[in-house]
PDB file of N, CA and C in Angstrom:
ATOM      1  N   MET A   1     -16.988  13.814  -3.365  1.00  0.00           N
ATOM      2  CA  MET A   1     -16.087  12.827  -2.774  1.00  0.00           C
ATOM      3  C   MET A   1     -15.465  13.437  -1.523  1.00  0.00           C
ATOM      4  N   ARG A   2     -15.325  12.624  -0.547  1.00  0.00           N
ATOM      5  CA  ARG A   2     -14.725  13.092   0.693  1.00  0.00           C
ATOM      6  C   ARG A   2     -13.217  13.218   0.517  1.00  0.00           C
ATOM      7  N   TRP A   3     -12.629  14.174   1.201  1.00  0.00           N
ATOM      8  CA  TRP A   3     -11.213  14.472   0.973  1.00  0.00           C
ATOM      9  C   TRP A   3     -10.305  13.370   1.468  1.00  0.00           C
ATOM     10  N   ARG A   4     -10.644  12.683   2.541  1.00  0.00           N
ATOM     11  CA  ARG A   4      -9.769  11.609   3.038  1.00  0.00           C
ATOM     12  C   ARG A   4      -9.763  10.424   2.080  1.00  0.00           C
ATOM     13  N   THR A   5     -10.883  10.160   1.465  1.00  0.00           N
ATOM     14  CA  THR A   5     -10.952   9.042   0.525  1.00  0.00           C
ATOM     15  C   THR A   5     -10.035   9.292  -0.669  1.00  0.00           C
ATOM     16  N   ALA A   6     -10.117  10.489  -1.222  1.00  0.00           N
ATOM     17  CA  ALA A   6      -9.267  10.831  -2.370  1.00  0.00           C
ATOM     18  C   ALA A   6      -7.790  10.819  -1.993  1.00  0.00           C
ATOM     19  N   LEU A   7      -7.470  11.420  -0.862  1.00  0.00           N
ATOM     20  CA  LEU A   7      -6.070  11.456  -0.423  1.00  0.00           C
ATOM     21  C   LEU A   7      -5.552  10.058  -0.096  1.00  0.00           C
ATOM     22  N   GLY A   8      -6.376   9.245   0.540  1.00  0.00           N
ATOM     23  CA  GLY A   8      -5.974   7.873   0.847  1.00  0.00           C
ATOM     24  C   GLY A   8      -5.740   7.047  -0.404  1.00  0.00           C
ATOM     25  N   GLY A   9      -6.603   7.205  -1.390  1.00  0.00           N
ATOM     26  CA  GLY A   9      -6.422   6.479  -2.648  1.00  0.00           C
ATOM     27  C   GLY A   9      -5.140   6.874  -3.361  1.00  0.00           C
ATOM     28  N   LEU A  10      -4.879   8.166  -3.422  1.00  0.00           N
ATOM     29  CA  LEU A  10      -3.633   8.631  -4.044  1.00  0.00           C
ATOM     30  C   LEU A  10      -2.411   8.160  -3.266  1.00  0.00           C
ATOM     31  N   THR A  11      -2.519   8.146  -1.960  1.00  0.00           N
ATOM     32  CA  THR A  11      -1.405   7.697  -1.119  1.00  0.00           C
ATOM     33  C   THR A  11      -1.126   6.212  -1.320  1.00  0.00           C
ATOM     34  N   ILE A  12      -2.181   5.411  -1.397  1.00  0.00           N
ATOM     35  CA  ILE A  12      -1.986   3.972  -1.596  1.00  0.00           C
ATOM     36  C   ILE A  12      -1.363   3.697  -2.963  1.00  0.00           C
ATOM     37  N   VAL A  13      -1.864   4.346  -4.004  1.00  0.00           N
ATOM     38  CA  VAL A  13      -1.331   4.095  -5.354  1.00  0.00           C
ATOM     39  C   VAL A  13       0.122   4.554  -5.457  1.00  0.00           C
ATOM     40  N   SER A  14       0.412   5.773  -5.009  1.00  0.00           N
ATOM     41  CA  SER A  14       1.793   6.264  -5.107  1.00  0.00           C
ATOM     42  C   SER A  14       2.728   5.492  -4.168  1.00  0.00           C
ATOM     43  N   GLY A  15       2.235   5.140  -2.998  1.00  0.00           N
ATOM     44  CA  GLY A  15       3.056   4.349  -2.080  1.00  0.00           C
ATOM     45  C   GLY A  15       3.349   2.956  -2.596  1.00  0.00           C
ATOM     46  N   LEU A  16       2.368   2.354  -3.252  1.00  0.00           N
ATOM     47  CA  LEU A  16       2.576   1.019  -3.820  1.00  0.00           C
ATOM     48  C   LEU A  16       3.596   1.060  -4.954  1.00  0.00           C
ATOM     49  N   ILE A  17       3.547   2.092  -5.777  1.00  0.00           N
ATOM     50  CA  ILE A  17       4.536   2.236  -6.846  1.00  0.00           C
ATOM     51  C   ILE A  17       5.939   2.399  -6.260  1.00  0.00           C
ATOM     52  N   ALA A  18       6.068   3.232  -5.233  1.00  0.00           N
ATOM     53  CA  ALA A  18       7.375   3.419  -4.581  1.00  0.00           C
ATOM     54  C   ALA A  18       7.837   2.130  -3.907  1.00  0.00           C
ATOM     55  N   TYR A  19       6.913   1.398  -3.290  1.00  0.00           N
ATOM     56  CA  TYR A  19       7.250   0.138  -2.626  1.00  0.00           C
ATOM     57  C   TYR A  19       7.743  -0.891  -3.645  1.00  0.00           C
ATOM     58  N   ILE A  20       7.072  -0.988  -4.770  1.00  0.00           N
ATOM     59  CA  ILE A  20       7.497  -1.928  -5.814  1.00  0.00           C
ATOM     60  C   ILE A  20       8.895  -1.584  -6.305  1.00  0.00           C
ATOM     61  N   ALA A  21       9.153  -0.300  -6.536  1.00  0.00           N
ATOM     62  CA  ALA A  21      10.483   0.123  -6.977  1.00  0.00           C
ATOM     63  C   ALA A  21      11.545  -0.223  -5.937  1.00  0.00           C
ATOM     64  N   ALA A  22      11.227  -0.026  -4.661  1.00  0.00           N
ATOM     65  CA  ALA A  22      12.188  -0.336  -3.598  1.00  0.00           C
ATOM     66  C   ALA A  22      12.442  -1.837  -3.494  1.00  0.00           C
ATOM     67  N   VAL A  23      11.391  -2.648  -3.611  1.00  0.00           N
ATOM     68  CA  VAL A  23      11.543  -4.106  -3.521  1.00  0.00           C
ATOM     69  C   VAL A  23      12.379  -4.635  -4.680  1.00  0.00           C
ATOM     70  N   VAL A  24      12.101  -4.160  -5.871  1.00  0.00           N
ATOM     71  CA  VAL A  24      12.859  -4.625  -7.041  1.00  0.00           C
ATOM     72  C   VAL A  24      14.322  -4.187  -6.944  1.00  0.00           C
ATOM     73  N   THR A  25      14.558  -2.955  -6.508  1.00  0.00           N
ATOM     74  CA  THR A  25      15.930  -2.473  -6.344  1.00  0.00           C
ATOM     75  C   THR A  25      16.668  -3.291  -5.291  1.00  0.00           C
ATOM     76  N   PHE A  26      16.014  -3.534  -4.160  1.00  0.00           N
ATOM     77  CA  PHE A  26      16.617  -4.348  -3.111  1.00  0.00           C
ATOM     78  C   PHE A  26      16.933  -5.749  -3.629  1.00  0.00           C
ATOM     79  N   ALA A  27      15.988  -6.354  -4.341  1.00  0.00           N
ATOM     80  CA  ALA A  27      16.191  -7.711  -4.847  1.00  0.00           C
ATOM     81  C   ALA A  27      17.336  -7.764  -5.848  1.00  0.00           C
ATOM     82  N   ASN A  28      17.450  -6.761  -6.693  1.00  0.00           N
ATOM     83  CA  ASN A  28      18.530  -6.749  -7.684  1.00  0.00           C
ATOM     84  C   ASN A  28      19.901  -6.602  -7.045  1.00  0.00           C
ATOM     85  N   HIS A  29      19.973  -5.887  -5.927  1.00  0.00           N
ATOM     86  CA  HIS A  29      21.278  -5.632  -5.314  1.00  0.00           C
ATOM     87  C   HIS A  29      21.673  -6.652  -4.243  1.00  0.00           C
ATOM     88  N   TYR A  30      20.705  -7.157  -3.485  1.00  0.00           N
ATOM     89  CA  TYR A  30      21.047  -7.945  -2.311  1.00  0.00           C
ATOM     90  C   TYR A  30      20.553  -9.386  -2.313  1.00  0.00           C
ATOM     91  N   LEU A  31      19.557  -9.693  -3.118  1.00  0.00           N
ATOM     92  CA  LEU A  31      18.995 -11.038  -3.103  1.00  0.00           C
ATOM     93  C   LEU A  31      19.888 -11.989  -3.892  1.00  0.00           C
ATOM     94  N   PRO A  32      20.274 -13.103  -3.296  1.00  0.00           N
ATOM     95  CA  PRO A  32      21.094 -14.061  -4.051  1.00  0.00           C
ATOM     96  C   PRO A  32      20.276 -14.669  -5.199  1.00  0.00           C
ATOM     97  N   GLU A  33      20.956 -14.978  -6.279  1.00  0.00           N
ATOM     98  CA  GLU A  33      20.273 -15.560  -7.431  1.00  0.00           C
ATOM     99  C   GLU A  33      20.084 -17.056  -7.206  1.00  0.00           C
ATOM    100  N   HIS A  34      19.126 -17.370  -6.388  1.00  0.00           N
ATOM    101  CA  HIS A  34      18.808 -18.751  -6.078  1.00  0.00           C
ATOM    102  C   HIS A  34      17.289 -18.860  -6.064  1.00  0.00           C
ATOM    103  N   TRP A  35      16.761 -19.931  -6.617  1.00  0.00           N
ATOM    104  CA  TRP A  35      15.315 -20.063  -6.757  1.00  0.00           C
ATOM    105  C   TRP A  35      14.595 -20.092  -5.409  1.00  0.00           C
ATOM    106  N   LEU A  36      15.234 -20.655  -4.387  1.00  0.00           N
ATOM    107  CA  LEU A  36      14.592 -20.723  -3.085  1.00  0.00           C
ATOM    108  C   LEU A  36      14.514 -19.343  -2.429  1.00  0.00           C
ATOM    109  N   ALA A  37      15.569 -18.546  -2.579  1.00  0.00           N
ATOM    110  CA  ALA A  37      15.551 -17.180  -2.038  1.00  0.00           C
ATOM    111  C   ALA A  37      14.454 -16.363  -2.712  1.00  0.00           C
ATOM    112  N   GLU A  38      14.306 -16.500  -4.012  1.00  0.00           N
ATOM    113  CA  GLU A  38      13.263 -15.780  -4.735  1.00  0.00           C
ATOM    114  C   GLU A  38      11.876 -16.290  -4.364  1.00  0.00           C
ATOM    115  N   LEU A  39      11.757 -17.583  -4.157  1.00  0.00           N
ATOM    116  CA  LEU A  39      10.481 -18.182  -3.786  1.00  0.00           C
ATOM    117  C   LEU A  39      10.000 -17.680  -2.421  1.00  0.00           C
ATOM    118  N   ILE A  40      10.921 -17.403  -1.539  1.00  0.00           N
ATOM    119  CA  ILE A  40      10.563 -16.885  -0.217  1.00  0.00           C
ATOM    120  C   ILE A  40      10.385 -15.362  -0.248  1.00  0.00           C
ATOM    121  N   PHE A  41      11.295 -14.671  -0.916  1.00  0.00           N
ATOM    122  CA  PHE A  41      11.313 -13.208  -0.875  1.00  0.00           C
ATOM    123  C   PHE A  41      10.116 -12.574  -1.579  1.00  0.00           C
ATOM    124  N   TYR A  42       9.827 -12.962  -2.799  1.00  0.00           N
ATOM    125  CA  TYR A  42       8.801 -12.260  -3.571  1.00  0.00           C
ATOM    126  C   TYR A  42       7.387 -12.418  -3.008  1.00  0.00           C
ATOM    127  N   PRO A  43       6.940 -13.588  -2.581  1.00  0.00           N
ATOM    128  CA  PRO A  43       5.608 -13.637  -1.946  1.00  0.00           C
ATOM    129  C   PRO A  43       5.553 -12.845  -0.631  1.00  0.00           C
ATOM    130  N   LEU A  44       6.634 -12.900   0.140  1.00  0.00           N
ATOM    131  CA  LEU A  44       6.673 -12.141   1.381  1.00  0.00           C
ATOM    132  C   LEU A  44       6.620 -10.639   1.101  1.00  0.00           C
ATOM    133  N   ALA A  45       7.418 -10.177   0.169  1.00  0.00           N
ATOM    134  CA  ALA A  45       7.417  -8.757  -0.192  1.00  0.00           C
ATOM    135  C   ALA A  45       6.077  -8.350  -0.807  1.00  0.00           C
ATOM    136  N   GLY A  46       5.460  -9.252  -1.550  1.00  0.00           N
ATOM    137  CA  GLY A  46       4.166  -8.952  -2.138  1.00  0.00           C
ATOM    138  C   GLY A  46       3.058  -8.860  -1.116  1.00  0.00           C
ATOM    139  N   PHE A  47       3.221  -9.471   0.017  1.00  0.00           N
ATOM    140  CA  PHE A  47       2.204  -9.462   1.065  1.00  0.00           C
ATOM    141  C   PHE A  47       2.393  -8.317   2.055  1.00  0.00           C
ATOM    142  N   LEU A  48       3.618  -7.860   2.274  1.00  0.00           N
ATOM    143  CA  LEU A  48       3.899  -6.887   3.332  1.00  0.00           C
ATOM    144  C   LEU A  48       3.312  -5.504   3.089  1.00  0.00           C
ATOM    145  N   TRP A  49       3.034  -5.146   1.838  1.00  0.00           N
ATOM    146  CA  TRP A  49       2.473  -3.826   1.575  1.00  0.00           C
ATOM    147  C   TRP A  49       1.035  -3.715   2.080  1.00  0.00           C
ATOM    148  N   VAL A  50       0.402  -4.841   2.389  1.00  0.00           N
ATOM    149  CA  VAL A  50      -0.993  -4.838   2.818  1.00  0.00           C
ATOM    150  C   VAL A  50      -1.161  -4.127   4.167  1.00  0.00           C
ATOM    151  N   PHE A  51      -0.212  -4.270   5.072  1.00  0.00           N
ATOM    152  CA  PHE A  51      -0.361  -3.706   6.409  1.00  0.00           C
ATOM    153  C   PHE A  51      -0.420  -2.175   6.414  1.00  0.00           C
ATOM    154  N   PRO A  52       0.462  -1.476   5.711  1.00  0.00           N
ATOM    155  CA  PRO A  52       0.289  -0.019   5.644  1.00  0.00           C
ATOM    156  C   PRO A  52      -0.993   0.378   4.911  1.00  0.00           C
ATOM    157  N   ALA A  53      -1.377  -0.389   3.907  1.00  0.00           N
ATOM    158  CA  ALA A  53      -2.605  -0.071   3.172  1.00  0.00           C
ATOM    159  C   ALA A  53      -3.828  -0.199   4.074  1.00  0.00           C
ATOM    160  N   ILE A  54      -3.841  -1.186   4.948  1.00  0.00           N
ATOM    161  CA  ILE A  54      -4.955  -1.352   5.882  1.00  0.00           C
ATOM    162  C   ILE A  54      -5.061  -0.139   6.802  1.00  0.00           C
ATOM    163  N   ARG A  55      -3.936   0.346   7.268  1.00  0.00           N
ATOM    164  CA  ARG A  55      -3.957   1.532   8.147  1.00  0.00           C
ATOM    165  C   ARG A  55      -4.461   2.760   7.409  1.00  0.00           C
ATOM    166  N   ILE A  56      -4.056   2.921   6.159  1.00  0.00           N
ATOM    167  CA  ILE A  56      -4.519   4.072   5.371  1.00  0.00           C
ATOM    168  C   ILE A  56      -6.013   3.965   5.110  1.00  0.00           C
ATOM    169  N   ILE A  57      -6.492   2.775   4.779  1.00  0.00           N
ATOM    170  CA  ILE A  57      -7.920   2.587   4.544  1.00  0.00           C
ATOM    171  C   ILE A  57      -8.709   2.863   5.824  1.00  0.00           C
ATOM    172  N   GLY A  58      -8.200   2.423   6.959  1.00  0.00           N
ATOM    173  CA  GLY A  58      -8.853   2.724   8.230  1.00  0.00           C
ATOM    174  C   GLY A  58      -8.906   4.219   8.499  1.00  0.00           C
ATOM    175  N   TRP A  59      -7.858   4.933   8.130  1.00  0.00           N
ATOM    176  CA  TRP A  59      -7.829   6.381   8.303  1.00  0.00           C
ATOM    177  C   TRP A  59      -8.863   7.049   7.406  1.00  0.00           C
ATOM    178  N   THR A  60      -9.029   6.556   6.186  1.00  0.00           N
ATOM    179  CA  THR A  60     -10.004   7.171   5.278  1.00  0.00           C
ATOM    180  C   THR A  60     -11.433   6.949   5.756  1.00  0.00           C
ATOM    181  N   LYS A  61     -11.691   5.878   6.493  1.00  0.00           N
ATOM    182  CA  LYS A  61     -13.044   5.626   6.985  1.00  0.00           C
ATOM    183  C   LYS A  61     -13.447   6.575   8.106  1.00  0.00           C
ATOM    184  N   LYS A  62     -12.507   7.316   8.661  1.00  0.00           N
ATOM    185  CA  LYS A  62     -12.822   8.287   9.699  1.00  0.00           C
ATOM    186  C   LYS A  62     -13.486   9.534   9.128  1.00  0.00           C
ATOM    187  N   ASP A  63     -13.481   9.673   7.808  1.00  0.00           N
ATOM    188  CA  ASP A  63     -14.118  10.803   7.154  1.00  0.00           C
ATOM    189  C   ASP A  63     -15.628  10.662   7.275  1.00  0.00           C
ATOM    190  N   LYS A  64     -16.263  11.608   7.925  1.00  0.00           N
ATOM    191  CA  LYS A  64     -17.699  11.513   8.186  1.00  0.00           C
ATOM    192  C   LYS A  64     -18.505  11.954   6.968  1.00  0.00           C
ATOM    193  N   GLU A  65     -19.660  11.337   6.812  1.00  0.00           N
ATOM    194  CA  GLU A  65     -20.616  11.780   5.792  1.00  0.00           C
ATOM    195  C   GLU A  65     -21.195  13.109   6.236  1.00  0.00           C
ATOM    196  N   PRO A  66     -21.383  14.043   5.305  1.00  0.00           N
ATOM    197  CA  PRO A  66     -22.026  15.296   5.702  1.00  0.00           C
ATOM    198  C   PRO A  66     -23.480  15.044   6.086  1.00  0.00           C
ATOM    199  N   PRO A  67     -24.011  15.811   7.061  1.00  0.00           N
ATOM    200  CA  PRO A  67     -25.400  15.598   7.458  1.00  0.00           C
ATOM    201  C   PRO A  67     -26.357  15.922   6.312  1.00  0.00           C
ATOM    202  N   ALA A  68     -27.451  15.189   6.245  1.00  0.00           N
ATOM    203  CA  ALA A  68     -28.446  15.416   5.200  1.00  0.00           C
ATOM    204  C   ALA A  68     -29.160  16.731   5.444  1.00  0.00           C
ATOM    205  N   ARG A  69     -29.461  17.444   4.358  1.00  0.00           N
ATOM    206  CA  ARG A  69     -30.148  18.728   4.493  1.00  0.00           C
ATOM    207  C   ARG A  69     -31.638  18.521   4.745  1.00  0.00           C
ATOM    208  N   GLY A  70     -32.200  19.396   5.536  1.00  0.00           N
ATOM    209  CA  GLY A  70     -33.633  19.403   5.760  1.00  0.00           C
ATOM    210  C   GLY A  70     -34.147  18.331   6.684  1.00  0.00           C
ATOM    211  N   GLN A  71     -33.269  17.689   7.383  1.00  0.00           N
ATOM    212  CA  GLN A  71     -33.746  16.646   8.302  1.00  0.00           C
ATOM    213  C   GLN A  71     -33.293  16.926   9.695  1.00  0.00           C
TER     214      GLN A  71
END
């Protein structure tokens, strides 16, 4: 396995766990208890983690395949 792929996967999983904890903590402390606020906040928060993940995945694709032996 290439090292960037492994590191990127671990970064995405650990970052997503930290992001979920931060979103839930923020929502518990600052989000008003109203159905409309929750309806807007949770889908938006659920979608925003995609942008950093895309950048990490793009970074992992920069890992080159090793050249084939004997060719």
